[in-house]
Protein backbone atom coordinates (compact mmCIF):
# COMPACT_ATOMS: atom_id res chain seq x y z
CA MET A 1 87.28 72.39 59.92
CA THR A 2 90.70 70.81 59.44
CA GLY A 3 92.12 68.24 61.82
CA GLY A 4 89.15 68.40 64.25
CA ILE A 5 85.99 66.53 65.11
CA ALA A 6 82.77 68.05 63.88
CA ALA A 7 80.32 69.18 66.52
CA GLY A 8 77.76 66.55 67.46
CA GLN A 9 79.74 63.60 66.04
CA PRO A 10 80.86 60.75 68.35
CA ARG A 11 84.53 60.59 69.23
CA ALA A 12 86.49 57.59 68.07
CA SER A 13 88.76 55.21 69.99
CA THR A 14 90.81 58.09 71.44
CA ASP A 15 88.20 58.54 74.25
CA ARG A 16 89.82 56.15 76.73
CA SER A 17 93.35 57.41 76.16
CA ASP A 18 92.13 60.99 76.51
CA ARG A 19 90.41 60.10 79.78
CA ASP A 20 93.52 58.32 81.02
CA GLY A 21 95.66 61.30 80.04
CA ALA A 22 93.33 63.72 81.78
CA ALA A 23 93.26 61.55 84.90
CA GLY A 24 97.05 61.34 84.86
CA GLY A 25 97.29 65.11 84.51
CA ARG A 26 94.94 65.65 87.44
CA ALA A 27 96.92 63.18 89.55
CA ALA A 28 100.14 65.02 88.77
CA GLN A 29 98.52 68.32 89.66
CA ASP A 30 97.27 66.85 92.94
CA ARG A 31 100.75 65.60 93.80
CA GLU A 32 102.25 68.98 92.97
CA GLU A 33 99.68 70.80 95.09
CA THR A 34 100.24 68.40 98.01
CA ALA A 35 103.99 68.93 97.85
CA LEU A 36 103.57 72.70 97.63
CA ARG A 37 101.18 72.69 100.58
CA ALA A 38 103.70 70.72 102.62
CA ARG A 39 106.45 73.21 101.80
CA VAL A 40 104.25 76.14 102.85
CA SER A 41 103.36 74.37 106.08
CA GLY A 42 107.02 73.78 106.83
CA LEU A 43 107.73 77.48 106.31
CA MET A 44 105.14 78.73 108.80
CA PRO A 45 107.45 78.70 111.87
CA ARG A 46 109.78 80.99 109.94
CA ALA A 47 106.83 83.18 108.98
CA LEU A 48 105.93 83.51 112.66
CA THR A 49 109.47 84.47 113.62
CA GLU A 50 109.81 87.02 110.84
CA LEU A 51 106.37 88.53 111.32
CA ALA A 52 107.28 89.02 114.99
CA GLU A 53 110.47 90.83 113.93
CA LEU A 54 108.57 93.07 111.52
CA VAL A 55 105.69 93.84 113.90
CA ALA A 56 108.24 94.85 116.54
CA ILE A 57 109.28 97.77 114.31
CA PRO A 58 106.79 100.64 114.99
CA SER A 59 106.78 101.83 111.37
CA VAL A 60 104.11 104.52 111.63
CA ALA A 61 104.80 106.98 108.81
CA ASP A 62 103.98 110.06 110.87
CA PRO A 63 107.04 111.86 112.28
CA ARG A 64 104.77 113.76 114.68
CA GLN A 65 104.18 110.48 116.54
CA PHE A 66 107.05 108.08 115.73
CA PRO A 67 110.69 108.53 114.70
CA PRO A 68 111.15 108.25 110.92
CA GLU A 69 114.10 105.93 111.61
CA GLU A 70 111.58 103.18 112.40
CA CYS A 71 110.15 103.30 108.88
CA ALA A 72 113.70 103.23 107.49
CA ARG A 73 114.40 100.17 109.64
CA ALA A 74 111.30 98.43 108.30
CA ALA A 75 112.23 99.29 104.71
CA ASN A 76 115.67 97.75 105.16
CA TRP A 77 114.16 94.64 106.77
CA VAL A 78 111.86 94.19 103.77
CA ALA A 79 114.70 94.77 101.30
CA ASP A 80 116.92 92.18 103.00
CA ALA A 81 114.10 89.63 103.10
CA PHE A 82 113.31 89.92 99.39
CA ARG A 83 116.97 89.79 98.44
CA GLY A 84 116.88 86.42 100.15
CA VAL A 85 114.24 85.16 97.69
CA GLY A 86 116.08 86.14 94.56
CA PHE A 87 115.45 89.86 94.06
CA ASP A 88 119.05 90.75 93.29
CA ASP A 89 118.07 93.93 91.43
CA LEU A 90 116.57 95.73 94.41
CA ARG A 91 116.84 99.24 95.84
CA LEU A 92 115.23 101.71 98.20
CA ALA A 93 113.60 104.43 96.09
CA ASP A 94 112.80 107.78 97.67
CA THR A 95 109.26 108.99 97.00
CA SER A 96 107.97 112.54 96.93
CA ASP A 97 106.49 112.34 100.45
CA GLY A 98 109.82 111.44 102.02
CA SER A 99 109.22 107.72 102.43
CA ALA A 100 111.16 104.88 100.84
CA ALA A 101 109.67 102.26 98.54
CA VAL A 102 111.37 98.90 98.19
CA VAL A 103 111.55 98.35 94.42
CA GLY A 104 113.06 95.35 92.65
CA SER A 105 112.81 92.70 89.98
CA ARG A 106 113.51 88.99 89.57
CA PRO A 107 113.52 87.75 85.95
CA CYS A 108 112.85 84.06 85.35
CA GLY A 109 115.00 83.83 82.20
CA VAL A 110 112.21 82.50 79.96
CA THR A 111 111.67 84.50 76.78
CA GLY A 112 108.12 85.79 76.53
CA ALA A 113 107.23 84.97 80.14
CA PRO A 114 104.52 87.21 81.63
CA THR A 115 105.42 89.73 84.31
CA VAL A 116 103.74 89.84 87.74
CA LEU A 117 104.13 92.80 90.10
CA LEU A 118 103.84 92.03 93.82
CA TYR A 119 102.69 94.90 96.08
CA ALA A 120 102.39 95.44 99.83
CA HIS A 121 103.19 98.21 102.35
CA TYR A 122 105.34 98.12 105.47
CA ASP A 123 103.95 101.19 107.24
CA VAL A 124 101.18 100.75 109.80
CA GLN A 125 98.46 102.69 111.55
CA PRO A 126 99.31 104.16 114.97
CA PRO A 127 98.24 101.93 117.86
CA LEU A 128 95.62 104.48 119.01
CA ASP A 129 94.62 103.90 122.63
CA GLU A 130 97.27 101.50 123.90
CA GLY A 131 95.17 100.95 127.01
CA SER A 132 92.55 99.25 124.82
CA TRP A 133 95.01 96.62 123.63
CA HIS A 134 94.91 93.27 125.40
CA THR A 135 98.51 92.61 124.30
CA PRO A 136 101.44 94.97 123.55
CA PRO A 137 100.70 96.49 120.11
CA PHE A 138 104.26 96.08 118.81
CA ARG A 139 104.90 92.59 120.15
CA LEU A 140 103.38 89.74 118.15
CA THR A 141 101.42 87.63 120.63
CA ASN A 142 99.61 84.32 120.11
CA VAL A 143 96.18 84.36 121.74
CA ASP A 144 93.86 81.41 121.10
CA GLY A 145 95.53 80.65 117.77
CA ARG A 146 95.50 84.19 116.35
CA TRP A 147 98.60 86.40 116.13
CA TYR A 148 98.01 89.86 117.61
CA GLY A 149 99.96 93.04 116.91
CA ARG A 150 99.78 96.27 114.94
CA GLY A 151 100.36 95.44 111.28
CA ALA A 152 99.99 91.68 111.81
CA ALA A 153 97.39 91.72 109.05
CA ASP A 154 97.60 95.22 107.54
CA CYS A 155 99.95 94.88 105.88
CA LYS A 156 102.96 93.04 107.31
CA GLY A 157 101.09 89.76 107.21
CA ASN A 158 100.77 90.24 103.46
CA ILE A 159 104.52 90.79 103.16
CA LEU A 160 105.01 87.39 104.83
CA MET A 161 102.43 85.93 102.45
CA HIS A 162 104.56 87.01 99.48
CA LEU A 163 107.78 85.76 101.08
CA THR A 164 106.29 82.39 102.06
CA ALA A 165 104.88 81.83 98.56
CA LEU A 166 108.23 82.57 96.93
CA ARG A 167 110.18 80.42 99.39
CA ALA A 168 107.82 77.53 98.74
CA LEU A 169 108.42 77.84 94.99
CA GLY A 170 112.19 78.25 95.22
CA ASP A 171 113.60 78.52 91.71
CA GLU A 172 110.37 77.21 90.14
CA VAL A 173 108.85 80.58 89.25
CA PRO A 174 107.88 80.67 85.56
CA VAL A 175 107.14 84.41 85.47
CA ASP A 176 109.19 87.57 85.64
CA LEU A 177 108.61 89.18 89.02
CA LYS A 178 108.62 92.81 90.02
CA LEU A 179 108.22 94.14 93.54
CA VAL A 180 107.13 97.34 95.21
CA VAL A 181 106.58 97.64 98.97
CA GLU A 182 105.74 101.20 99.99
CA GLY A 183 106.14 103.02 103.28
CA SER A 184 103.40 105.66 103.48
CA GLU A 185 100.17 103.98 102.38
CA GLU A 186 98.38 104.56 105.68
CA GLN A 187 99.06 108.30 105.62
CA GLY A 188 97.58 108.73 102.13
CA THR A 189 100.27 111.21 101.12
CA GLY A 190 100.52 109.91 97.56
CA GLY A 191 104.23 109.20 97.40
CA LEU A 192 103.96 105.90 95.54
CA GLU A 193 101.23 107.21 93.26
CA ALA A 194 103.61 109.94 92.08
CA PHE A 195 106.46 107.40 91.76
CA VAL A 196 104.34 105.18 89.49
CA ARG A 197 103.57 108.06 87.18
CA GLU A 198 107.21 109.16 87.02
CA HIS A 199 108.76 105.65 86.72
CA ALA A 200 106.06 103.77 84.83
CA ASP A 201 108.39 101.35 83.05
CA GLN A 202 109.97 100.12 86.29
CA LEU A 203 106.68 98.68 87.54
CA ARG A 204 104.97 97.72 84.26
CA ALA A 205 103.46 94.23 84.45
CA ASP A 206 100.82 91.95 82.94
CA ALA A 207 99.27 91.23 86.34
CA ILE A 208 99.50 93.12 89.62
CA ILE A 209 98.88 91.30 92.91
CA LEU A 210 97.97 94.08 95.28
CA ALA A 211 98.07 92.39 98.70
CA ASP A 212 96.16 94.80 100.91
CA THR A 213 92.68 93.31 101.21
CA GLY A 214 91.50 89.84 102.10
CA ASN A 215 88.78 87.25 102.39
CA ALA A 216 85.13 87.32 103.39
CA ALA A 217 85.98 85.35 106.54
CA VAL A 218 88.60 82.86 107.68
CA GLY A 219 88.33 80.01 105.20
CA SER A 220 86.12 81.95 102.76
CA PRO A 221 88.29 83.08 99.81
CA ALA A 222 87.54 86.29 97.96
CA VAL A 223 88.91 88.73 95.43
CA THR A 224 88.10 92.39 96.00
CA VAL A 225 86.74 93.93 92.80
CA SER A 226 85.45 97.32 93.99
CA LEU A 227 86.88 100.10 96.17
CA ARG A 228 85.32 103.37 97.17
CA GLY A 229 87.16 106.61 96.54
CA VAL A 230 87.73 109.21 99.23
CA VAL A 231 87.59 112.94 99.84
CA ASP A 232 89.09 114.04 103.18
CA LEU A 233 88.35 117.60 104.21
CA VAL A 234 88.36 120.07 107.09
CA VAL A 235 85.52 122.55 107.58
CA THR A 236 86.15 125.63 109.73
CA VAL A 237 83.39 127.89 111.07
CA ASP A 238 84.05 131.41 112.42
CA ALA A 239 81.23 133.28 114.12
CA LEU A 240 82.72 135.72 116.64
CA ASP A 241 85.92 137.62 117.27
CA SER A 242 86.20 136.18 120.78
CA GLU A 243 84.27 134.26 123.44
CA LEU A 244 81.17 135.92 124.87
CA HIS A 245 79.33 135.17 128.11
CA ALA A 246 76.73 132.50 127.33
CA GLY A 247 74.23 133.92 129.81
CA VAL A 248 74.54 137.54 128.73
CA PHE A 249 74.61 136.96 124.94
CA GLY A 250 73.32 133.40 124.39
CA GLY A 251 70.06 133.21 122.46
CA ALA A 252 70.65 136.34 120.43
CA VAL A 253 74.23 135.87 119.17
CA PRO A 254 75.31 132.97 116.92
CA ASP A 255 78.23 130.80 117.97
CA ALA A 256 80.48 128.66 115.78
CA LEU A 257 80.01 125.31 117.49
CA THR A 258 76.22 125.38 117.32
CA ALA A 259 76.41 126.42 113.67
CA LEU A 260 78.85 123.61 112.88
CA VAL A 261 76.66 121.02 114.59
CA ALA A 262 73.65 122.24 112.61
CA MET A 263 75.63 121.92 109.38
CA LEU A 264 76.86 118.42 110.16
CA ALA A 265 73.33 117.30 111.01
CA THR A 266 72.25 117.89 107.38
CA LEU A 267 74.67 115.27 106.04
CA HIS A 268 72.52 112.28 107.08
CA ASP A 269 68.80 111.62 107.20
CA GLN A 270 66.81 109.82 109.90
CA GLN A 271 67.65 106.39 108.41
CA GLY A 272 71.36 107.17 108.34
CA ASN A 273 71.64 107.62 104.57
CA THR A 274 74.35 110.06 103.50
CA THR A 275 72.61 113.10 102.05
CA VAL A 276 75.21 115.29 100.36
CA ARG A 277 73.37 117.43 97.85
CA GLY A 278 74.30 116.51 94.31
CA LEU A 279 75.60 113.02 95.14
CA PRO A 280 73.48 109.96 94.23
CA ASN A 281 72.75 107.68 97.20
CA THR A 282 70.45 104.96 95.85
CA GLN A 283 72.94 102.70 94.02
CA VAL A 284 72.66 98.92 94.38
CA TRP A 285 75.48 96.38 94.85
CA SER A 286 75.31 93.59 92.24
CA GLY A 287 77.88 91.21 93.75
CA ALA A 288 77.87 88.91 96.76
CA PRO A 289 75.65 90.03 99.66
CA TYR A 290 76.89 90.76 103.17
CA PRO A 291 74.62 88.86 105.59
CA GLU A 292 73.60 90.90 108.63
CA THR A 293 74.56 88.19 111.11
CA GLN A 294 78.08 88.08 109.68
CA PHE A 295 78.27 91.88 109.52
CA ARG A 296 77.31 92.19 113.17
CA ALA A 297 79.82 89.55 114.22
CA ASP A 298 82.57 91.12 112.10
CA GLY A 299 81.98 94.55 113.62
CA GLY A 300 81.39 93.34 117.16
CA LEU A 301 78.12 95.30 117.15
CA ARG A 302 75.88 95.36 120.19
CA ARG A 303 72.58 93.57 119.78
CA ARG A 304 70.58 96.80 119.83
CA THR A 305 72.89 98.74 117.51
CA PRO A 306 70.86 99.46 114.35
CA VAL A 307 72.14 98.95 110.82
CA LEU A 308 71.88 102.28 109.04
CA GLY A 309 70.47 103.15 105.63
CA ASP A 310 67.52 102.07 103.51
CA GLY A 311 69.58 99.76 101.29
CA SER A 312 71.17 96.37 101.95
CA ILE A 313 74.38 96.24 103.96
CA ALA A 314 76.35 95.62 100.75
CA ASP A 315 74.62 98.62 99.13
CA MET A 316 75.54 100.89 102.03
CA LEU A 317 79.17 99.72 102.26
CA TRP A 318 80.18 99.18 98.67
CA ALA A 319 77.76 100.96 96.31
CA ARG A 320 76.76 104.21 98.02
CA PRO A 321 78.55 107.24 99.47
CA SER A 322 79.21 107.49 103.19
CA LEU A 323 80.33 110.42 105.27
CA SER A 324 82.11 110.09 108.62
CA LEU A 325 83.00 112.72 111.20
CA LEU A 326 86.61 111.90 112.10
CA GLY A 327 87.37 114.65 114.58
CA ILE A 328 86.22 117.99 115.93
CA ASP A 329 88.05 120.95 117.47
CA CYS A 330 86.02 122.66 120.17
CA PRO A 331 86.30 123.22 123.91
CA PRO A 332 86.50 119.92 125.83
CA VAL A 333 83.87 119.20 128.46
CA VAL A 334 86.38 119.35 131.30
CA GLY A 335 87.61 122.92 131.46
CA SER A 336 84.87 124.42 129.32
CA ALA A 337 83.39 127.78 130.34
CA ALA A 338 79.93 129.31 130.10
CA ALA A 339 80.94 131.08 126.92
CA LEU A 340 79.86 131.14 123.28
CA VAL A 341 82.42 129.46 121.02
CA PRO A 342 83.88 131.84 118.41
CA ARG A 343 85.53 129.22 116.18
CA ALA A 344 85.14 125.47 115.60
CA ARG A 345 86.25 123.01 112.98
CA ALA A 346 85.71 119.37 112.00
CA ARG A 347 87.50 116.79 109.88
CA LEU A 348 85.30 114.73 107.58
CA SER A 349 85.87 111.74 105.32
CA LEU A 350 83.56 111.22 102.36
CA ARG A 351 83.73 107.81 100.65
CA VAL A 352 82.30 107.46 97.14
CA PRO A 353 81.64 104.36 95.03
CA PRO A 354 82.89 103.60 91.52
CA GLY A 355 81.19 105.88 89.03
CA VAL A 356 81.61 108.99 91.20
CA ALA A 357 84.74 111.06 90.57
CA PRO A 358 86.41 112.59 93.65
CA GLU A 359 86.34 116.00 91.95
CA GLU A 360 82.57 115.72 91.62
CA ALA A 361 82.25 114.55 95.22
CA GLY A 362 84.51 117.31 96.54
CA HIS A 363 82.55 119.97 94.66
CA ALA A 364 79.30 118.55 96.05
CA ILE A 365 80.37 118.42 99.71
CA VAL A 366 81.93 121.90 99.64
CA GLY A 367 78.83 123.35 98.01
CA HIS A 368 76.56 121.57 100.48
CA LEU A 369 78.40 122.87 103.55
CA LEU A 370 78.48 126.44 102.26
CA GLU A 371 74.80 126.31 101.38
CA VAL A 372 73.56 124.98 104.74
CA ALA A 373 75.70 127.27 106.91
CA PRO A 374 73.30 129.26 109.14
CA TRP A 375 73.34 132.79 110.53
CA GLN A 376 75.86 134.22 108.06
CA VAL A 377 78.78 132.52 109.83
CA LYS A 378 82.04 132.43 107.91
CA VAL A 379 82.83 128.96 106.51
CA ARG A 380 86.07 127.69 105.00
CA VAL A 381 86.40 124.17 103.56
CA GLU A 382 89.84 122.72 102.79
CA ILE A 383 90.16 119.45 100.89
CA GLU A 384 93.14 117.57 102.35
CA ALA A 385 93.34 114.54 100.09
CA THR A 386 91.38 112.67 97.43
CA GLY A 387 91.49 109.18 96.00
CA ARG A 388 89.63 107.72 93.06
CA PRO A 389 87.31 104.72 93.35
CA PHE A 390 88.23 101.53 91.55
CA ARG A 391 86.41 98.72 89.78
CA ALA A 392 88.42 95.74 88.54
CA ALA A 393 87.90 94.00 85.21
CA THR A 394 87.57 90.32 86.14
CA ASN A 395 87.29 88.50 82.82
CA GLY A 396 91.02 88.13 82.09
CA PRO A 397 93.38 85.15 82.48
CA ALA A 398 94.97 86.40 85.70
CA HIS A 399 91.63 86.68 87.48
CA ARG A 400 90.61 83.26 86.22
CA ALA A 401 93.89 81.72 87.33
CA MET A 402 93.64 83.33 90.78
CA ALA A 403 90.04 82.17 91.21
CA GLU A 404 91.08 78.62 90.33
CA ALA A 405 94.03 78.74 92.74
CA LEU A 406 91.89 80.03 95.61
CA HIS A 407 89.16 77.47 94.89
CA THR A 408 91.70 74.64 94.89
CA VAL A 409 93.34 75.74 98.14
CA TYR A 410 90.19 76.50 100.10
CA GLY A 411 87.89 73.91 98.53
CA VAL A 412 84.99 76.38 98.25
CA PRO A 413 83.93 78.87 95.56
CA VAL A 414 85.52 82.31 95.47
CA SER A 415 83.47 85.43 96.20
CA GLN A 416 83.82 88.82 94.55
CA LEU A 417 83.60 91.48 97.23
CA GLY A 418 83.61 95.23 97.51
CA GLN A 419 85.55 97.21 100.07
CA GLY A 420 84.26 100.34 101.73
CA GLY A 421 87.82 101.53 102.21
CA SER A 422 89.98 103.29 99.66
CA ILE A 423 93.29 102.46 97.99
CA PRO A 424 94.00 105.43 95.70
CA LEU A 425 96.98 103.58 94.21
CA CYS A 426 94.61 101.20 92.40
CA ALA A 427 93.18 103.94 90.21
CA VAL A 428 96.69 105.19 89.40
CA LEU A 429 97.82 101.68 88.45
CA ALA A 430 94.72 101.15 86.30
CA THR A 431 95.32 104.43 84.46
CA THR A 432 99.07 103.93 84.05
CA TYR A 433 98.82 100.26 83.01
CA PRO A 434 95.41 99.90 81.30
CA GLU A 435 96.28 96.45 79.93
CA ALA A 436 97.32 95.03 83.31
CA GLU A 437 95.00 92.94 85.46
CA ILE A 438 94.82 94.11 89.08
CA LEU A 439 94.08 91.44 91.67
CA LEU A 440 93.22 92.62 95.18
CA ILE A 441 93.80 89.81 97.67
CA GLY A 442 95.44 89.27 101.03
CA VAL A 443 95.41 87.77 104.51
CA GLU A 444 93.01 90.32 106.00
CA GLU A 445 89.43 89.41 106.92
CA PRO A 446 86.88 91.21 109.09
CA SER A 447 87.90 89.69 112.43
CA CYS A 448 91.43 91.08 111.95
CA ARG A 449 90.12 94.47 113.14
CA ILE A 450 92.67 96.40 111.11
CA HIS A 451 93.13 100.08 112.07
CA ALA A 452 91.66 99.33 115.51
CA PRO A 453 93.16 98.17 118.81
CA ASN A 454 93.80 94.42 119.02
CA GLU A 455 94.58 93.90 115.34
CA SER A 456 95.32 90.25 114.60
CA VAL A 457 95.77 87.75 111.81
CA ALA A 458 94.79 84.10 111.47
CA PRO A 459 98.01 82.18 110.66
CA GLU A 460 96.06 79.74 108.51
CA GLU A 461 95.15 82.67 106.25
CA ILE A 462 98.84 83.48 105.75
CA ALA A 463 99.49 79.82 104.89
CA ASN A 464 96.50 79.40 102.58
CA MET A 465 96.97 82.71 100.78
CA ALA A 466 100.70 82.00 100.32
CA LEU A 467 99.78 78.62 98.83
CA ALA A 468 97.20 80.24 96.54
CA GLU A 469 99.69 82.86 95.37
CA ALA A 470 102.33 80.20 94.71
CA SER A 471 99.81 78.13 92.72
CA PHE A 472 98.80 81.21 90.75
CA LEU A 473 102.41 82.02 89.83
CA LEU A 474 102.87 78.46 88.57
CA ASP A 475 99.66 78.40 86.51
CA TYR A 476 99.46 81.96 85.20
CA PRO A 477 101.68 81.51 82.10
CA ASP A 478 99.46 78.68 80.82
CA ALA A 479 96.30 80.62 81.67
CA LYS A 480 97.58 83.64 79.79
CA GLN A 481 98.54 81.50 76.79
CA ARG A 482 95.04 79.94 76.72
CA ARG A 483 93.57 83.43 76.47
């Protein structure tokens, strides 16, 4: 061993100078972190103003409900904002589903510097029942210290997280940056997924910060390492050519609605486990648990509402399949007649954990529904969309650097969580860029109630996550070099 100290031998008189040097390095790091924290804090009034501007744009990527001009307006807002933080090479790229992705780059000018891709999306879920909102859905409103509005967390809050981190750093960004902010993530139409495959070099990076998840709770930092895949489908049942009098023919003639209900009832057992034939449903989650008290508080569950399944909450949410009935077409109660229903249909969403391919899951659910259909009714199953599950590799320098940044900012250890939701883009990124590290983080946490009325974000999460991202961007080159 040349130029080193053999293992087990005492160190010489360099000990004190080494300790002094280490202490001086830590002190410098502390001063840098304090200054960075102060800059982020000073930027929060601007973050509030800009998030209010962005939330006010009803950028729902569904032309059946909202004018497409609103998504175009949001795309231009995002493009202008990122030009203001140094993305001179920036454009609006049309994707195959008709939306626009904001795509750009910001080189740092250092030869050999690693590249980091920043991701978010500017489209939002529809407000649903506006009467259930306590505040106007498209007007950011401060209520008891939280900022309410559609998209405040998912995902416009994450856009402000990126912007605040970059503004706090100014010109001190030692990595090459790339950017993509898409406009149709919530619709699941696959526009950006196709763009990635067709323009792989434009978005190639060493690390990808995919800001569309969040922490275990306010003040509890986390990195999401597992996402379920999805199979969305519509099942249609035909039993009769037309309505028949329920009194004259009921009891001897099959009807479509009763057959459909019988079919749907086979998809869960008495404990609530999903029971699609051919799909495993006994997997176990190996990461951080999800305590029942926290789960109930996060979901706003009534005291007597049971928790379903024979596994732990983490097993049921992150490791096993789940099937949800999203909608059903049948006669409404008001206006219904005493008649047998000739035709009925339902929309289902099947979520599957890592290790289960969507093709396998789709084949299983279609086969199950056809097999359990009673009374020789005619059944048609159409798969609308699929998305692959995702499991992140967490042993690389980017994950280590992010964990250190989050730990420093929050002062508590970082959890590795699963998400029951699906982000099909992750699997596409992992396939297209197998060497890249994908980090799923963000300002969202369970009390944000994303996709539901009264969505909100905790402003301290925007500040802390912006600070963590800024710290990561500063430290990542050294972490990657230490690899």
